[in-house]
Each structure stands twice: as C-alpha cells, then as structure tokens.
Amino acid sequence: MANSSEESYAEQFRSSGKLPKGPVSPWPRGREIRTLNSYVNKADVRNENEIKPTLKEMAAGMLRTGGQALHHGKCSTEVRTERMETCMSCEHFLPAEQRCSLCGCYMKAKTWVGGDPKRLCPAKKWLR
C-alpha cells in the first residue's frame, strides 16, 4: 500500500461518507493561506496613479463642491484656465483620466466651480 504522500488524487479526495463540519474549501490549506496572503499584500500596495479617497470621501467632496457651486455659481474663463493649468502641473493630477488623485474629482468640471479655492482644491494650490 502506498503511503499518504504517494496516494492518488482519487484516494485523497474520496469521501468517507461523513459530511464535514464548518467551512469547507476545495483548496489545500497551505495554498488557501498563501493565495489569501498574496491577495492582501496586493491590496495594501497602492499605485501612485490611483484615486486615493474612498467612495464615501468622494461623495462628501462632491457635496462640498456642489454647495460651493450653488452658492457661488460658475467662475470666469480666466480663473478656470488658471486652475486647470495648476492641476495639470500638479503631481496628484492623473492625465489619462483628467482627475485628481487626492479628491477623485474630474478636473474639467471642478475647475469651473466658483467659490473658495482653499475649500475646492485638496492640495490648496489654487490661488483664486
């Protein structure tokens, strides 16, 4: 008779007729842990070209920006152009998406919002 390391897969997975108790996985225990750890490590590492805020933080920022837009309206074309140039030269700007990685906003839209630039730009780089 073959020892446990030489058993065929059919013999290893043959049921003894008893139902297992607790969580069951088709993966061997060592592989399950290794796969889970590699997934967690990938989740912990953030790409620098990635939107950093959570969905909840982006929603709060959108409400704050919307309040500024309702209260102050639209800014002038000169101010919008200046803000967009500032954003495009910022290290937090994602050119492929035209978004800010700090707040997650689409800058083509946000730069039109009038109001306090310190409340609108999370990096506090807008002058007016």
Protein backbone atom coordinates (compact mmCIF):
# COMPACT_ATOMS: atom_id res chain seq x y z
CA MET A 1 0.00 0.00 0.00
CA ALA A 2 1.24 3.47 -0.85
CA ASN A 3 1.96 5.97 1.89
CA SER A 4 -0.05 9.20 2.18
CA SER A 5 2.36 11.22 0.03
CA GLU A 6 2.02 8.75 -2.84
CA GLU A 7 -1.76 8.37 -2.76
CA SER A 8 -3.59 9.14 -5.96
CA TYR A 9 -5.82 12.19 -6.14
CA ALA A 10 -8.88 9.96 -6.26
CA GLU A 11 -7.91 8.35 -2.98
CA GLN A 12 -7.08 11.72 -1.38
CA PHE A 13 -10.47 13.19 -2.23
CA ARG A 14 -12.59 10.08 -1.68
CA SER A 15 -15.37 10.73 0.76
CA SER A 16 -15.58 8.75 3.95
CA GLY A 17 -19.35 9.22 3.92
CA LYS A 18 -19.25 11.80 6.71
CA LEU A 19 -20.25 15.37 6.00
CA PRO A 20 -17.66 17.95 7.01
CA LYS A 21 -18.40 20.43 9.76
CA GLY A 22 -17.52 24.10 9.39
CA PRO A 23 -16.24 25.92 6.32
CA VAL A 24 -15.01 23.72 3.51
CA SER A 25 -12.60 24.64 0.75
CA PRO A 26 -11.54 22.61 -2.28
CA TRP A 27 -8.05 24.11 -1.94
CA PRO A 28 -5.39 22.58 0.27
CA ARG A 29 -4.96 24.61 3.45
CA GLY A 30 -1.44 25.83 2.64
CA ARG A 31 -2.44 27.08 -0.79
CA GLU A 32 -5.51 28.86 0.57
CA ILE A 33 -3.42 30.82 3.06
CA ARG A 34 -0.72 31.60 0.51
CA THR A 35 -3.30 32.82 -2.02
CA LEU A 36 -5.06 34.94 0.60
CA ASN A 37 -1.78 36.49 1.76
CA SER A 38 -0.70 37.37 -1.77
CA TYR A 39 -4.11 38.98 -2.37
CA VAL A 40 -3.92 41.02 0.83
CA ASN A 41 -0.40 42.21 0.01
CA LYS A 42 -1.54 43.40 -3.42
CA ALA A 43 -4.44 45.26 -1.84
CA ASP A 44 -2.16 47.02 0.63
CA VAL A 45 0.16 48.34 -2.07
CA ARG A 46 -1.36 51.39 -3.74
CA ASN A 47 -0.38 52.58 -7.15
CA GLU A 48 0.72 56.22 -7.22
CA ASN A 49 -1.53 56.73 -10.26
CA GLU A 50 -4.61 55.67 -8.35
CA ILE A 51 -7.54 57.54 -6.84
CA LYS A 52 -6.84 57.59 -3.08
CA PRO A 53 -10.13 58.58 -1.40
CA THR A 54 -12.88 56.09 -0.67
CA LEU A 55 -16.29 56.32 -2.27
CA LYS A 56 -17.65 57.90 0.93
CA GLU A 57 -14.91 60.57 0.92
CA MET A 58 -15.54 61.31 -2.77
CA ALA A 59 -19.28 61.68 -2.09
CA ALA A 60 -18.56 64.13 0.75
CA GLY A 61 -16.23 66.09 -1.55
CA MET A 62 -18.85 66.16 -4.27
CA LEU A 63 -21.41 67.56 -1.81
CA ARG A 64 -18.92 70.19 -0.64
CA THR A 65 -18.15 71.18 -4.25
CA GLY A 66 -21.85 71.18 -5.11
CA GLY A 67 -22.53 73.53 -2.19
CA GLN A 68 -19.82 75.89 -3.45
CA ALA A 69 -21.34 75.73 -6.95
CA LEU A 70 -24.84 76.50 -5.67
CA HIS A 71 -23.65 79.37 -3.51
CA HIS A 72 -21.08 80.95 -5.85
CA GLY A 73 -22.03 79.72 -9.32
CA LYS A 74 -19.56 79.46 -12.15
CA CYS A 75 -16.15 81.17 -12.24
CA SER A 76 -14.73 83.14 -15.16
CA THR A 77 -12.88 81.53 -18.07
CA GLU A 78 -9.59 83.08 -16.94
CA VAL A 79 -9.88 81.62 -13.45
CA ARG A 80 -10.90 78.24 -14.88
CA THR A 81 -7.90 78.23 -17.26
CA GLU A 82 -5.53 79.15 -14.44
CA ARG A 83 -6.94 76.39 -12.21
CA MET A 84 -6.71 73.78 -14.98
CA GLU A 85 -3.07 74.72 -15.69
CA THR A 86 -2.30 74.42 -11.97
CA CYS A 87 -3.94 70.99 -11.88
CA MET A 88 -2.12 69.75 -14.97
CA SER A 89 1.24 70.67 -13.40
CA CYS A 90 0.33 69.07 -10.03
CA GLU A 91 1.82 65.71 -9.01
CA HIS A 92 -1.64 64.48 -7.96
CA PHE A 93 -3.19 65.00 -11.41
CA LEU A 94 -3.92 61.86 -13.44
CA PRO A 95 -3.67 62.99 -17.08
CA ALA A 96 -5.19 59.86 -18.62
CA GLU A 97 -8.35 60.26 -16.57
CA GLN A 98 -8.25 64.07 -16.16
CA ARG A 99 -8.83 63.50 -12.42
CA CYS A 100 -7.23 64.47 -9.13
CA SER A 101 -5.91 61.51 -7.15
CA LEU A 102 -6.48 63.34 -3.82
CA CYS A 103 -10.20 64.07 -4.20
CA GLY A 104 -11.16 61.88 -7.17
CA CYS A 105 -12.89 64.76 -8.98
CA TYR A 106 -12.96 65.28 -12.72
CA MET A 107 -10.98 68.48 -13.06
CA LYS A 108 -12.54 69.61 -16.34
CA ALA A 109 -15.77 70.05 -14.38
CA LYS A 110 -14.48 71.08 -10.96
CA THR A 111 -12.31 73.93 -12.26
CA TRP A 112 -15.48 75.73 -13.40
CA VAL A 113 -16.92 75.91 -9.87
CA GLY A 114 -16.72 79.34 -8.28
CA GLY A 115 -16.04 79.79 -4.61
CA ASP A 116 -13.28 79.49 -2.07
CA PRO A 117 -10.26 77.88 -3.79
CA LYS A 118 -8.96 76.55 -0.45
CA ARG A 119 -12.16 74.52 0.01
CA LEU A 120 -12.18 73.29 -3.59
CA CYS A 121 -8.57 72.17 -4.07
CA PRO A 122 -7.48 69.47 -1.58
CA ALA A 123 -3.80 70.32 -2.22
CA LYS A 124 -4.52 74.05 -1.61
CA LYS A 125 -2.75 75.00 -4.85
CA TRP A 126 -5.45 77.15 -6.47
CA LEU A 127 -4.77 80.86 -6.00
CA ARG A 128 -8.22 82.13 -6.97
